[in-house]
């Protein structure tokens, strides 16, 4: 499989609980696709676990490990919570995932090493229980063309791995399709060869 357009993530929410010296660390792993999904999840967990002391988290999106990630200690000593959580996400080589670890304080301070171990182990346990799946990076495009080109365009699309998401045959023909990132360039080139009257735009 082409590693440039395939990645691993989790299929559904997974949970685990780790206990240390009376403190409870409840780890919940979520599949996400945008940073905007994080805040409502945190707020919901704070509402559900209002007696907890900390709601630490980390998330990663996309294939570029130099960006699109966050690690939050939520009041724990710097580097003892968010980073260990993120470290487990990277250790499992997954992305498009958020892990929140809810801590109920047990009355005994754990120290720096104890906290790092607790947040790491709770996150690890949640991911061990998760259904890890492989997904493909998909590119989306909109193609606009005339009716006389319909048969040619459909032939090219059907001979590829592209999936038609939406089509509209009104004044002109418009098709929105998605295709695996690694196969996009040759497909677009084939479509552009059909006619100079075809317009193709990449969609977010």
N, C-alpha and C. Protein backbone atom coordinates (compact mmCIF):
# COMPACT_ATOMS: atom_id res chain seq x y z
N UNK A 1 0.84 -1.20 0.00
CA UNK A 1 0.00 0.00 0.00
C UNK A 1 0.87 1.25 0.00
N UNK A 2 0.46 2.24 -0.74
CA UNK A 2 1.21 3.49 -0.82
C UNK A 2 1.12 4.23 0.50
N UNK A 3 2.25 4.37 1.22
CA UNK A 3 2.23 5.01 2.52
C UNK A 3 1.97 6.51 2.43
N UNK A 4 2.05 7.08 1.24
CA UNK A 4 1.85 8.51 1.11
C UNK A 4 0.37 8.89 1.14
N UNK A 5 -0.52 7.95 0.91
CA UNK A 5 -1.94 8.30 0.93
C UNK A 5 -2.76 7.29 1.72
N UNK A 6 -2.11 6.59 2.65
CA UNK A 6 -2.81 5.68 3.55
C UNK A 6 -2.38 5.99 4.99
N UNK A 7 -3.29 5.86 5.91
CA UNK A 7 -2.98 6.13 7.31
C UNK A 7 -3.83 5.25 8.21
N UNK A 8 -3.42 5.13 9.46
CA UNK A 8 -4.18 4.36 10.43
C UNK A 8 -4.88 5.30 11.40
N UNK A 9 -6.09 4.93 11.78
CA UNK A 9 -6.85 5.68 12.76
C UNK A 9 -7.70 4.70 13.54
N UNK A 10 -8.58 5.20 14.40
CA UNK A 10 -9.46 4.31 15.14
C UNK A 10 -10.87 4.40 14.57
N UNK A 11 -11.59 3.30 14.61
CA UNK A 11 -12.91 3.24 13.98
C UNK A 11 -13.98 3.88 14.85
N UNK A 12 -13.91 3.66 16.16
CA UNK A 12 -14.93 4.17 17.08
C UNK A 12 -14.27 4.60 18.39
N UNK A 13 -15.08 5.14 19.27
CA UNK A 13 -14.58 5.57 20.58
C UNK A 13 -14.12 4.36 21.38
N UNK A 14 -12.99 4.52 22.09
CA UNK A 14 -12.46 3.45 22.94
C UNK A 14 -12.10 4.04 24.30
N UNK A 15 -12.30 3.28 25.35
CA UNK A 15 -12.04 3.78 26.70
C UNK A 15 -11.23 2.78 27.52
N UNK A 16 -10.56 3.30 28.54
CA UNK A 16 -9.81 2.46 29.47
C UNK A 16 -9.62 3.25 30.77
N UNK A 17 -9.37 2.54 31.84
CA UNK A 17 -9.14 3.20 33.13
C UNK A 17 -7.88 2.66 33.78
N UNK A 18 -7.07 3.59 34.28
CA UNK A 18 -5.84 3.24 34.98
C UNK A 18 -5.90 3.87 36.37
N UNK A 19 -5.50 3.11 37.37
CA UNK A 19 -5.53 3.61 38.75
C UNK A 19 -4.13 3.61 39.34
N UNK A 20 -3.86 4.65 40.11
CA UNK A 20 -2.56 4.74 40.78
C UNK A 20 -2.71 5.54 42.06
N UNK A 21 -2.42 4.89 43.20
CA UNK A 21 -2.46 5.54 44.52
C UNK A 21 -3.76 6.31 44.75
N UNK A 22 -4.85 5.68 44.39
CA UNK A 22 -6.16 6.29 44.65
C UNK A 22 -6.68 7.18 43.54
N UNK A 23 -5.80 7.66 42.67
CA UNK A 23 -6.25 8.49 41.54
C UNK A 23 -6.74 7.60 40.41
N UNK A 24 -7.81 8.05 39.75
CA UNK A 24 -8.36 7.35 38.60
C UNK A 24 -8.05 8.15 37.34
N UNK A 25 -7.56 7.47 36.32
CA UNK A 25 -7.27 8.11 35.04
C UNK A 25 -8.13 7.42 33.98
N UNK A 26 -9.19 8.09 33.58
CA UNK A 26 -10.11 7.55 32.58
C UNK A 26 -9.72 8.09 31.21
N UNK A 27 -9.26 7.21 30.32
CA UNK A 27 -8.83 7.62 28.98
C UNK A 27 -9.91 7.30 27.97
N UNK A 28 -10.25 8.29 27.15
CA UNK A 28 -11.24 8.11 26.09
C UNK A 28 -10.62 8.55 24.78
N UNK A 29 -10.57 7.65 23.81
CA UNK A 29 -10.01 7.95 22.49
C UNK A 29 -11.14 8.12 21.49
N UNK A 30 -11.05 9.20 20.69
CA UNK A 30 -12.09 9.53 19.73
C UNK A 30 -11.50 9.64 18.32
N UNK A 31 -12.18 9.13 17.30
CA UNK A 31 -11.79 9.45 15.93
C UNK A 31 -12.29 10.85 15.59
N UNK A 32 -11.43 11.70 15.05
CA UNK A 32 -11.83 13.05 14.66
C UNK A 32 -11.25 13.36 13.29
N UNK A 33 -11.82 14.37 12.63
CA UNK A 33 -11.32 14.77 11.31
C UNK A 33 -10.99 16.26 11.24
N UNK A 34 -11.39 17.04 12.26
CA UNK A 34 -11.10 18.48 12.28
C UNK A 34 -10.74 18.93 13.69
N UNK A 35 -9.95 20.00 13.83
CA UNK A 35 -9.65 20.54 15.16
C UNK A 35 -10.91 21.05 15.87
N UNK A 36 -11.89 21.48 15.08
CA UNK A 36 -13.12 22.03 15.66
C UNK A 36 -13.91 20.99 16.45
N UNK A 37 -13.63 19.72 16.22
CA UNK A 37 -14.35 18.66 16.93
C UNK A 37 -13.89 18.53 18.38
N UNK A 38 -12.72 19.07 18.70
CA UNK A 38 -12.12 18.85 20.02
C UNK A 38 -12.87 19.56 21.14
N UNK A 39 -13.13 20.83 20.98
CA UNK A 39 -13.72 21.63 22.06
C UNK A 39 -15.06 21.09 22.56
N UNK A 40 -16.00 20.75 21.67
CA UNK A 40 -17.28 20.20 22.17
C UNK A 40 -17.10 18.90 22.94
N UNK A 41 -16.14 18.07 22.54
CA UNK A 41 -15.89 16.82 23.26
C UNK A 41 -15.37 17.11 24.67
N UNK A 42 -14.42 18.04 24.78
CA UNK A 42 -13.88 18.40 26.10
C UNK A 42 -14.98 18.96 26.99
N UNK A 43 -15.80 19.83 26.43
CA UNK A 43 -16.88 20.44 27.21
C UNK A 43 -17.87 19.39 27.68
N UNK A 44 -18.17 18.44 26.83
CA UNK A 44 -19.09 17.37 27.20
C UNK A 44 -18.51 16.52 28.33
N UNK A 45 -17.22 16.21 28.25
CA UNK A 45 -16.59 15.40 29.29
C UNK A 45 -16.52 16.16 30.62
N UNK A 46 -16.30 17.47 30.55
CA UNK A 46 -16.28 18.26 31.78
C UNK A 46 -17.66 18.29 32.43
N UNK A 47 -18.68 18.26 31.60
CA UNK A 47 -20.05 18.22 32.12
C UNK A 47 -20.36 16.86 32.74
N UNK A 48 -19.93 15.80 32.08
CA UNK A 48 -20.20 14.45 32.57
C UNK A 48 -19.35 14.10 33.80
N UNK A 49 -18.11 14.58 33.82
CA UNK A 49 -17.18 14.26 34.91
C UNK A 49 -16.84 15.53 35.68
N UNK A 50 -17.87 16.20 36.19
CA UNK A 50 -17.68 17.52 36.82
C UNK A 50 -16.92 17.42 38.14
N UNK A 51 -16.82 16.23 38.71
CA UNK A 51 -16.09 16.07 39.97
C UNK A 51 -14.61 15.75 39.73
N UNK A 52 -14.21 15.60 38.50
CA UNK A 52 -12.80 15.31 38.19
C UNK A 52 -11.93 16.54 38.42
N UNK A 53 -10.62 16.34 38.50
CA UNK A 53 -9.68 17.43 38.74
C UNK A 53 -9.06 17.96 37.45
N UNK A 54 -8.77 17.07 36.51
CA UNK A 54 -8.10 17.47 35.27
C UNK A 54 -8.72 16.75 34.08
N UNK A 55 -8.69 17.43 32.92
CA UNK A 55 -9.15 16.85 31.65
C UNK A 55 -8.04 17.10 30.62
N UNK A 56 -7.01 16.29 30.68
CA UNK A 56 -5.83 16.47 29.83
C UNK A 56 -6.05 15.76 28.50
N UNK A 57 -5.43 16.28 27.45
CA UNK A 57 -5.68 15.67 26.15
C UNK A 57 -4.55 15.93 25.16
N UNK A 58 -4.61 15.17 24.07
CA UNK A 58 -3.73 15.38 22.91
C UNK A 58 -4.46 14.89 21.68
N UNK A 59 -4.16 15.54 20.55
CA UNK A 59 -4.75 15.08 19.29
C UNK A 59 -3.76 15.28 18.16
N UNK A 60 -3.98 14.50 17.12
CA UNK A 60 -3.17 14.62 15.91
C UNK A 60 -4.06 14.42 14.70
N UNK A 61 -3.81 15.23 13.65
CA UNK A 61 -4.57 15.14 12.40
C UNK A 61 -3.60 15.09 11.22
N UNK A 62 -3.99 14.39 10.18
CA UNK A 62 -3.21 14.38 8.95
C UNK A 62 -1.96 13.53 9.03
N UNK A 63 -1.18 13.60 7.95
CA UNK A 63 0.00 12.76 7.81
C UNK A 63 1.31 13.46 8.16
N UNK A 64 1.28 14.79 8.25
CA UNK A 64 2.49 15.56 8.55
C UNK A 64 2.67 15.68 10.06
N UNK A 65 3.65 14.98 10.61
CA UNK A 65 3.82 14.96 12.06
C UNK A 65 4.46 16.23 12.61
N UNK A 66 4.82 17.16 11.74
CA UNK A 66 5.39 18.42 12.21
C UNK A 66 4.33 19.47 12.50
N UNK A 67 3.07 19.18 12.17
CA UNK A 67 2.00 20.15 12.42
C UNK A 67 0.69 19.41 12.65
N UNK A 68 -0.36 20.18 12.92
CA UNK A 68 -1.71 19.64 13.15
C UNK A 68 -1.76 18.69 14.33
N UNK A 69 -1.24 19.15 15.48
CA UNK A 69 -1.35 18.39 16.71
C UNK A 69 -1.36 19.36 17.89
N UNK A 70 -1.89 18.89 19.01
CA UNK A 70 -1.88 19.68 20.24
C UNK A 70 -1.71 18.73 21.42
N UNK A 71 -1.11 19.25 22.49
CA UNK A 71 -0.98 18.50 23.74
C UNK A 71 -1.27 19.47 24.88
N UNK A 72 -2.20 19.12 25.75
CA UNK A 72 -2.65 20.04 26.80
C UNK A 72 -2.57 19.35 28.16
N UNK A 73 -1.85 19.99 29.10
CA UNK A 73 -1.68 19.42 30.45
C UNK A 73 -2.82 19.79 31.40
N UNK A 74 -3.63 20.76 31.05
CA UNK A 74 -4.79 21.17 31.85
C UNK A 74 -4.49 21.28 33.35
N UNK A 75 -3.44 22.00 33.67
CA UNK A 75 -3.14 22.27 35.08
C UNK A 75 -2.17 21.30 35.73
N UNK A 76 -1.92 20.17 35.09
CA UNK A 76 -0.89 19.27 35.61
C UNK A 76 0.49 19.89 35.32
N UNK A 77 1.53 19.47 36.06
CA UNK A 77 2.87 20.00 35.79
C UNK A 77 3.24 19.86 34.31
N UNK A 78 3.90 20.87 33.77
CA UNK A 78 4.21 20.91 32.34
C UNK A 78 4.91 19.64 31.86
N UNK A 79 4.37 19.08 30.80
CA UNK A 79 4.97 17.92 30.17
C UNK A 79 4.61 16.59 30.78
N UNK A 80 3.76 16.58 31.81
CA UNK A 80 3.46 15.31 32.49
C UNK A 80 2.19 14.64 31.98
N UNK A 81 1.41 15.32 31.15
CA UNK A 81 0.12 14.75 30.74
C UNK A 81 -0.06 14.76 29.22
N UNK A 82 -0.14 15.95 28.64
CA UNK A 82 -0.40 16.05 27.21
C UNK A 82 0.64 15.36 26.35
N UNK A 83 1.90 15.56 26.68
CA UNK A 83 2.98 14.95 25.89
C UNK A 83 2.98 13.42 25.99
N UNK A 84 2.83 12.83 27.17
CA UNK A 84 2.73 11.37 27.24
C UNK A 84 1.54 10.82 26.46
N UNK A 85 0.43 11.55 26.44
CA UNK A 85 -0.73 11.11 25.67
C UNK A 85 -0.40 11.13 24.18
N UNK A 86 0.18 12.26 23.73
CA UNK A 86 0.56 12.38 22.32
C UNK A 86 1.59 11.33 21.95
N UNK A 87 2.47 11.02 22.89
CA UNK A 87 3.49 10.01 22.63
C UNK A 87 2.88 8.65 22.32
N UNK A 88 1.77 8.33 22.96
CA UNK A 88 1.11 7.05 22.67
C UNK A 88 0.41 7.07 21.31
N UNK A 89 -0.16 8.20 20.95
CA UNK A 89 -0.75 8.33 19.61
C UNK A 89 0.32 8.05 18.56
N UNK A 90 1.50 8.63 18.75
CA UNK A 90 2.59 8.43 17.79
C UNK A 90 3.17 7.02 17.88
N UNK A 91 3.20 6.46 19.08
CA UNK A 91 3.73 5.11 19.25
C UNK A 91 2.88 4.08 18.50
N UNK A 92 1.57 4.32 18.46
CA UNK A 92 0.66 3.43 17.73
C UNK A 92 0.58 3.79 16.25
N UNK A 93 1.29 4.85 15.86
CA UNK A 93 1.34 5.30 14.46
C UNK A 93 -0.05 5.54 13.89
N UNK A 94 -0.86 6.28 14.65
CA UNK A 94 -2.21 6.61 14.19
C UNK A 94 -2.37 8.12 14.11
N UNK A 95 -3.41 8.54 13.42
CA UNK A 95 -3.70 9.96 13.29
C UNK A 95 -5.22 10.14 13.23
N UNK A 96 -5.65 11.39 13.09
CA UNK A 96 -7.08 11.72 13.13
C UNK A 96 -7.71 11.15 14.40
N UNK A 97 -7.06 11.42 15.51
CA UNK A 97 -7.51 10.88 16.79
C UNK A 97 -7.29 11.89 17.91
N UNK A 98 -8.21 11.87 18.86
CA UNK A 98 -8.12 12.68 20.08
C UNK A 98 -8.19 11.73 21.27
N UNK A 99 -7.30 11.92 22.23
CA UNK A 99 -7.38 11.16 23.48
C UNK A 99 -7.50 12.16 24.63
N UNK A 100 -8.54 11.99 25.43
CA UNK A 100 -8.72 12.79 26.63
C UNK A 100 -8.57 11.86 27.83
N UNK A 101 -7.76 12.28 28.79
CA UNK A 101 -7.62 11.51 30.03
C UNK A 101 -8.19 12.35 31.17
N UNK A 102 -9.26 11.85 31.76
CA UNK A 102 -9.94 12.52 32.87
C UNK A 102 -9.37 11.99 34.18
N UNK A 103 -8.85 12.89 35.01
CA UNK A 103 -8.24 12.45 36.27
C UNK A 103 -9.10 12.82 37.47
N UNK A 104 -9.40 11.80 38.24
CA UNK A 104 -10.02 11.99 39.55
C UNK A 104 -8.91 11.86 40.59
N UNK A 105 -8.63 12.94 41.31
CA UNK A 105 -7.52 12.96 42.27
C UNK A 105 -7.83 12.08 43.48
N UNK A 106 -6.85 11.25 43.85
CA UNK A 106 -7.07 10.32 44.96
C UNK A 106 -6.49 10.77 46.28
N UNK A 107 -5.97 12.00 46.33
CA UNK A 107 -5.48 12.52 47.60
C UNK A 107 -3.99 12.38 47.82
N UNK A 108 -3.33 11.61 46.97
CA UNK A 108 -1.88 11.41 47.10
C UNK A 108 -1.20 11.93 45.84
N UNK A 109 -0.24 12.83 46.03
CA UNK A 109 0.49 13.35 44.87
C UNK A 109 1.38 12.26 44.29
N UNK A 110 1.43 12.21 42.97
CA UNK A 110 2.16 11.14 42.28
C UNK A 110 3.56 11.53 41.85
N UNK A 111 3.84 12.82 41.84
CA UNK A 111 5.15 13.27 41.37
C UNK A 111 5.22 13.24 39.85
N UNK A 112 6.26 13.85 39.32
CA UNK A 112 6.40 13.97 37.87
C UNK A 112 6.41 12.62 37.16
N UNK A 113 7.26 11.72 37.62
CA UNK A 113 7.37 10.41 36.95
C UNK A 113 6.08 9.61 37.08
N UNK A 114 5.43 9.72 38.23
CA UNK A 114 4.17 9.01 38.43
C UNK A 114 3.07 9.50 37.52
N UNK A 115 3.01 10.81 37.32
CA UNK A 115 2.01 11.38 36.42
C UNK A 115 2.27 10.96 34.98
N UNK A 116 3.52 11.05 34.56
CA UNK A 116 3.86 10.67 33.19
C UNK A 116 3.47 9.22 32.93
N UNK A 117 3.78 8.35 33.89
CA UNK A 117 3.43 6.93 33.75
C UNK A 117 1.92 6.74 33.67
N UNK A 118 1.19 7.44 34.53
CA UNK A 118 -0.26 7.27 34.58
C UNK A 118 -0.93 7.71 33.29
N UNK A 119 -0.58 8.88 32.79
CA UNK A 119 -1.20 9.38 31.55
C UNK A 119 -0.78 8.53 30.35
N UNK A 120 0.46 8.07 30.38
CA UNK A 120 0.93 7.21 29.29
C UNK A 120 0.19 5.88 29.30
N UNK A 121 0.10 5.24 30.45
CA UNK A 121 -0.52 3.92 30.54
C UNK A 121 -2.01 3.97 30.24
N UNK A 122 -2.69 5.00 30.73
CA UNK A 122 -4.13 5.12 30.46
C UNK A 122 -4.39 5.25 28.97
N UNK A 123 -3.58 6.09 28.30
CA UNK A 123 -3.73 6.28 26.86
C UNK A 123 -3.40 5.00 26.11
N UNK A 124 -2.35 4.33 26.53
CA UNK A 124 -1.94 3.07 25.89
C UNK A 124 -3.04 2.03 25.99
N UNK A 125 -3.65 1.92 27.16
CA UNK A 125 -4.71 0.93 27.37
C UNK A 125 -5.92 1.21 26.49
N UNK A 126 -6.27 2.50 26.33
CA UNK A 126 -7.41 2.85 25.48
C UNK A 126 -7.14 2.47 24.03
N UNK A 127 -5.93 2.74 23.56
CA UNK A 127 -5.59 2.43 22.17
C UNK A 127 -5.45 0.92 21.95
N UNK A 128 -5.02 0.21 22.98
CA UNK A 128 -4.94 -1.26 22.86
C UNK A 128 -6.34 -1.85 22.70
N UNK A 129 -7.32 -1.18 23.26
CA UNK A 129 -8.70 -1.65 23.19
C UNK A 129 -9.43 -1.14 21.95
N UNK A 130 -8.80 -0.23 21.21
CA UNK A 130 -9.44 0.41 20.05
C UNK A 130 -9.37 -0.48 18.82
N UNK A 131 -10.31 -0.24 17.92
CA UNK A 131 -10.31 -0.91 16.62
C UNK A 131 -9.53 -0.03 15.65
N UNK A 132 -8.28 -0.37 15.39
CA UNK A 132 -7.42 0.43 14.53
C UNK A 132 -7.60 -0.01 13.08
N UNK A 133 -7.92 0.94 12.21
CA UNK A 133 -8.21 0.65 10.82
C UNK A 133 -7.31 1.48 9.90
N UNK A 134 -7.22 1.06 8.66
CA UNK A 134 -6.46 1.79 7.65
C UNK A 134 -7.42 2.56 6.75
N UNK A 135 -7.16 3.83 6.58
CA UNK A 135 -7.97 4.69 5.71
C UNK A 135 -7.09 5.26 4.61
N UNK A 136 -7.72 5.68 3.53
CA UNK A 136 -7.01 6.29 2.42
C UNK A 136 -7.29 7.79 2.37
N UNK A 137 -6.27 8.57 2.03
CA UNK A 137 -6.46 10.01 1.81
C UNK A 137 -7.19 10.17 0.49
N UNK A 138 -8.32 10.85 0.53
CA UNK A 138 -9.12 11.06 -0.67
C UNK A 138 -9.10 12.52 -1.09
N UNK A 139 -8.88 12.78 -2.38
CA UNK A 139 -8.98 14.13 -2.94
C UNK A 139 -10.34 14.29 -3.61
N UNK A 140 -10.91 15.48 -3.47
CA UNK A 140 -12.22 15.74 -4.07
C UNK A 140 -12.09 16.78 -5.18
N UNK A 141 -12.82 16.59 -6.26
CA UNK A 141 -12.76 17.49 -7.40
C UNK A 141 -14.17 17.73 -7.95
N UNK A 142 -14.32 18.88 -8.58
CA UNK A 142 -15.55 19.18 -9.33
C UNK A 142 -15.17 19.38 -10.79
N UNK A 143 -15.86 18.68 -11.68
CA UNK A 143 -15.59 18.79 -13.11
C UNK A 143 -16.85 19.32 -13.80
N UNK A 144 -16.65 20.31 -14.66
CA UNK A 144 -17.75 20.93 -15.39
C UNK A 144 -17.48 20.76 -16.88
N UNK A 145 -18.48 20.32 -17.63
CA UNK A 145 -18.29 20.05 -19.05
C UNK A 145 -19.64 20.07 -19.77
N UNK A 146 -19.59 20.01 -21.07
CA UNK A 146 -20.81 20.03 -21.89
C UNK A 146 -21.38 18.64 -22.08
N UNK A 147 -22.64 18.60 -22.53
CA UNK A 147 -23.32 17.32 -22.71
C UNK A 147 -22.62 16.40 -23.70
N UNK A 148 -22.02 17.00 -24.74
CA UNK A 148 -21.38 16.18 -25.77
C UNK A 148 -20.18 15.41 -25.22
N UNK A 149 -19.67 15.85 -24.09
CA UNK A 149 -18.50 15.19 -23.49
C UNK A 149 -18.88 14.18 -22.40
N UNK A 150 -20.17 14.05 -22.13
CA UNK A 150 -20.63 13.22 -21.01
C UNK A 150 -20.12 11.78 -21.11
N UNK A 151 -20.29 11.16 -22.26
CA UNK A 151 -19.89 9.75 -22.40
C UNK A 151 -18.39 9.57 -22.16
N UNK A 152 -17.59 10.49 -22.70
CA UNK A 152 -16.14 10.38 -22.55
C UNK A 152 -15.73 10.55 -21.09
N UNK A 153 -16.32 11.55 -20.44
CA UNK A 153 -15.98 11.80 -19.03
C UNK A 153 -16.36 10.60 -18.17
N UNK A 154 -17.56 10.07 -18.37
CA UNK A 154 -18.01 8.93 -17.58
C UNK A 154 -17.13 7.70 -17.83
N UNK A 155 -16.69 7.54 -19.06
CA UNK A 155 -15.83 6.40 -19.37
C UNK A 155 -14.52 6.48 -18.59
N UNK A 156 -13.91 7.67 -18.58
CA UNK A 156 -12.65 7.84 -17.86
C UNK A 156 -12.84 7.62 -16.35
N UNK A 157 -13.91 8.17 -15.81
CA UNK A 157 -14.16 8.01 -14.37
C UNK A 157 -14.41 6.55 -14.00
N UNK A 158 -15.19 5.86 -14.84
CA UNK A 158 -15.51 4.46 -14.53
C UNK A 158 -14.30 3.54 -14.68
N UNK A 159 -13.33 3.93 -15.48
CA UNK A 159 -12.12 3.13 -15.63
C UNK A 159 -11.08 3.43 -14.56
N UNK A 160 -11.43 4.29 -13.62
CA UNK A 160 -10.53 4.64 -12.52
C UNK A 160 -11.15 4.15 -11.21
N UNK A 161 -10.48 4.46 -10.11
CA UNK A 161 -11.01 4.11 -8.78
C UNK A 161 -11.84 5.25 -8.20
N UNK A 162 -12.13 6.27 -9.00
CA UNK A 162 -12.88 7.42 -8.52
C UNK A 162 -14.30 7.03 -8.11
N UNK A 163 -14.81 7.73 -7.13
CA UNK A 163 -16.19 7.55 -6.69
C UNK A 163 -16.96 8.84 -6.91
N UNK A 164 -18.06 8.77 -7.65
CA UNK A 164 -18.89 9.95 -7.89
C UNK A 164 -19.70 10.26 -6.63
N UNK A 165 -19.52 11.46 -6.11
CA UNK A 165 -20.21 11.88 -4.88
C UNK A 165 -21.51 12.60 -5.20
N UNK A 166 -21.48 13.40 -6.27
CA UNK A 166 -22.66 14.20 -6.63
C UNK A 166 -22.61 14.50 -8.12
N UNK A 167 -23.76 14.53 -8.75
CA UNK A 167 -23.80 14.90 -10.17
C UNK A 167 -25.04 15.73 -10.47
N UNK A 168 -24.87 16.67 -11.38
CA UNK A 168 -25.96 17.59 -11.72
C UNK A 168 -25.88 17.86 -13.22
N UNK A 169 -26.92 17.44 -13.92
CA UNK A 169 -26.96 17.64 -15.37
C UNK A 169 -28.05 18.66 -15.68
N UNK A 170 -27.74 19.93 -15.45
CA UNK A 170 -28.70 21.01 -15.69
C UNK A 170 -28.30 21.73 -16.97
N UNK A 171 -27.95 23.01 -16.88
CA UNK A 171 -27.51 23.74 -18.07
C UNK A 171 -26.20 23.17 -18.61
N UNK A 172 -25.33 22.80 -17.68
CA UNK A 172 -24.09 22.11 -18.04
C UNK A 172 -23.97 20.88 -17.13
N UNK A 173 -23.06 20.03 -17.45
CA UNK A 173 -22.85 18.83 -16.62
C UNK A 173 -21.84 19.14 -15.52
N UNK A 174 -22.16 18.78 -14.29
CA UNK A 174 -21.25 18.96 -13.17
C UNK A 174 -21.19 17.66 -12.37
N UNK A 175 -20.00 17.23 -12.09
CA UNK A 175 -19.81 16.02 -11.30
C UNK A 175 -18.78 16.31 -10.20
N UNK A 176 -19.11 15.94 -8.99
CA UNK A 176 -18.14 15.98 -7.89
C UNK A 176 -17.72 14.54 -7.61
N UNK A 177 -16.43 14.30 -7.63
CA UNK A 177 -15.95 12.95 -7.38
C UNK A 177 -14.76 12.98 -6.43
N UNK A 178 -14.49 11.85 -5.84
CA UNK A 178 -13.30 11.72 -4.99
C UNK A 178 -12.49 10.54 -5.46
N UNK A 179 -11.18 10.66 -5.27
CA UNK A 179 -10.27 9.62 -5.72
C UNK A 179 -9.09 9.57 -4.76
N UNK A 180 -8.54 8.40 -4.59
CA UNK A 180 -7.37 8.23 -3.73
C UNK A 180 -6.27 9.20 -4.15
N UNK A 181 -5.66 9.85 -3.18
CA UNK A 181 -4.67 10.90 -3.44
C UNK A 181 -3.57 10.45 -4.39
N UNK A 182 -3.07 9.24 -4.19
CA UNK A 182 -1.97 8.76 -5.02
C UNK A 182 -2.36 8.48 -6.45
N UNK A 183 -3.66 8.39 -6.74
CA UNK A 183 -4.13 8.11 -8.09
C UNK A 183 -4.77 9.33 -8.76
N UNK A 184 -4.73 10.47 -8.08
CA UNK A 184 -5.42 11.66 -8.58
C UNK A 184 -4.74 12.25 -9.82
N UNK A 185 -3.42 12.38 -9.81
CA UNK A 185 -2.72 13.06 -10.90
C UNK A 185 -2.97 12.42 -12.27
N UNK A 186 -2.82 11.11 -12.41
CA UNK A 186 -3.08 10.52 -13.74
C UNK A 186 -4.54 10.62 -14.17
N UNK A 187 -5.46 10.56 -13.21
CA UNK A 187 -6.88 10.70 -13.56
C UNK A 187 -7.18 12.10 -14.06
N UNK A 188 -6.67 13.11 -13.37
CA UNK A 188 -6.91 14.50 -13.79
C UNK A 188 -6.28 14.74 -15.16
N UNK A 189 -5.10 14.18 -15.38
CA UNK A 189 -4.43 14.33 -16.68
C UNK A 189 -5.27 13.70 -17.78
N UNK A 190 -5.86 12.53 -17.52
CA UNK A 190 -6.69 11.85 -18.52
C UNK A 190 -7.95 12.65 -18.84
N UNK A 191 -8.53 13.26 -17.82
CA UNK A 191 -9.73 14.08 -18.03
C UNK A 191 -9.40 15.34 -18.82
N UNK A 192 -8.27 15.95 -18.51
CA UNK A 192 -7.89 17.18 -19.20
C UNK A 192 -7.57 16.93 -20.68
N UNK A 193 -7.16 15.73 -21.02
CA UNK A 193 -6.85 15.40 -22.40
C UNK A 193 -8.11 15.30 -23.27
N UNK A 194 -9.26 15.14 -22.64
CA UNK A 194 -10.50 14.95 -23.40
C UNK A 194 -10.85 16.18 -24.22
N UNK A 195 -10.75 17.36 -23.57
CA UNK A 195 -11.15 18.59 -24.26
C UNK A 195 -10.68 19.80 -23.47
N UNK A 196 -10.39 20.87 -24.18
CA UNK A 196 -10.01 22.12 -23.51
C UNK A 196 -11.22 22.78 -22.85
N UNK A 197 -12.42 22.30 -23.16
CA UNK A 197 -13.64 22.87 -22.59
C UNK A 197 -14.00 22.31 -21.24
N UNK A 198 -13.20 21.40 -20.72
CA UNK A 198 -13.49 20.81 -19.43
C UNK A 198 -12.78 21.61 -18.33
N UNK A 199 -13.53 21.95 -17.29
CA UNK A 199 -12.97 22.69 -16.15
C UNK A 199 -12.96 21.77 -14.95
N UNK A 200 -11.81 21.67 -14.28
CA UNK A 200 -11.67 20.81 -13.11
C UNK A 200 -11.12 21.64 -11.94
N UNK A 201 -11.81 21.62 -10.84
CA UNK A 201 -11.38 22.36 -9.64
C UNK A 201 -11.22 21.40 -8.46
N UNK A 202 -10.15 21.55 -7.71
CA UNK A 202 -9.96 20.78 -6.49
C UNK A 202 -10.84 21.36 -5.39
N UNK A 203 -11.46 20.50 -4.61
CA UNK A 203 -12.33 20.92 -3.51
C UNK A 203 -11.65 20.62 -2.18
N UNK A 204 -11.98 21.41 -1.14
CA UNK A 204 -11.39 21.14 0.18
C UNK A 204 -11.93 19.84 0.76
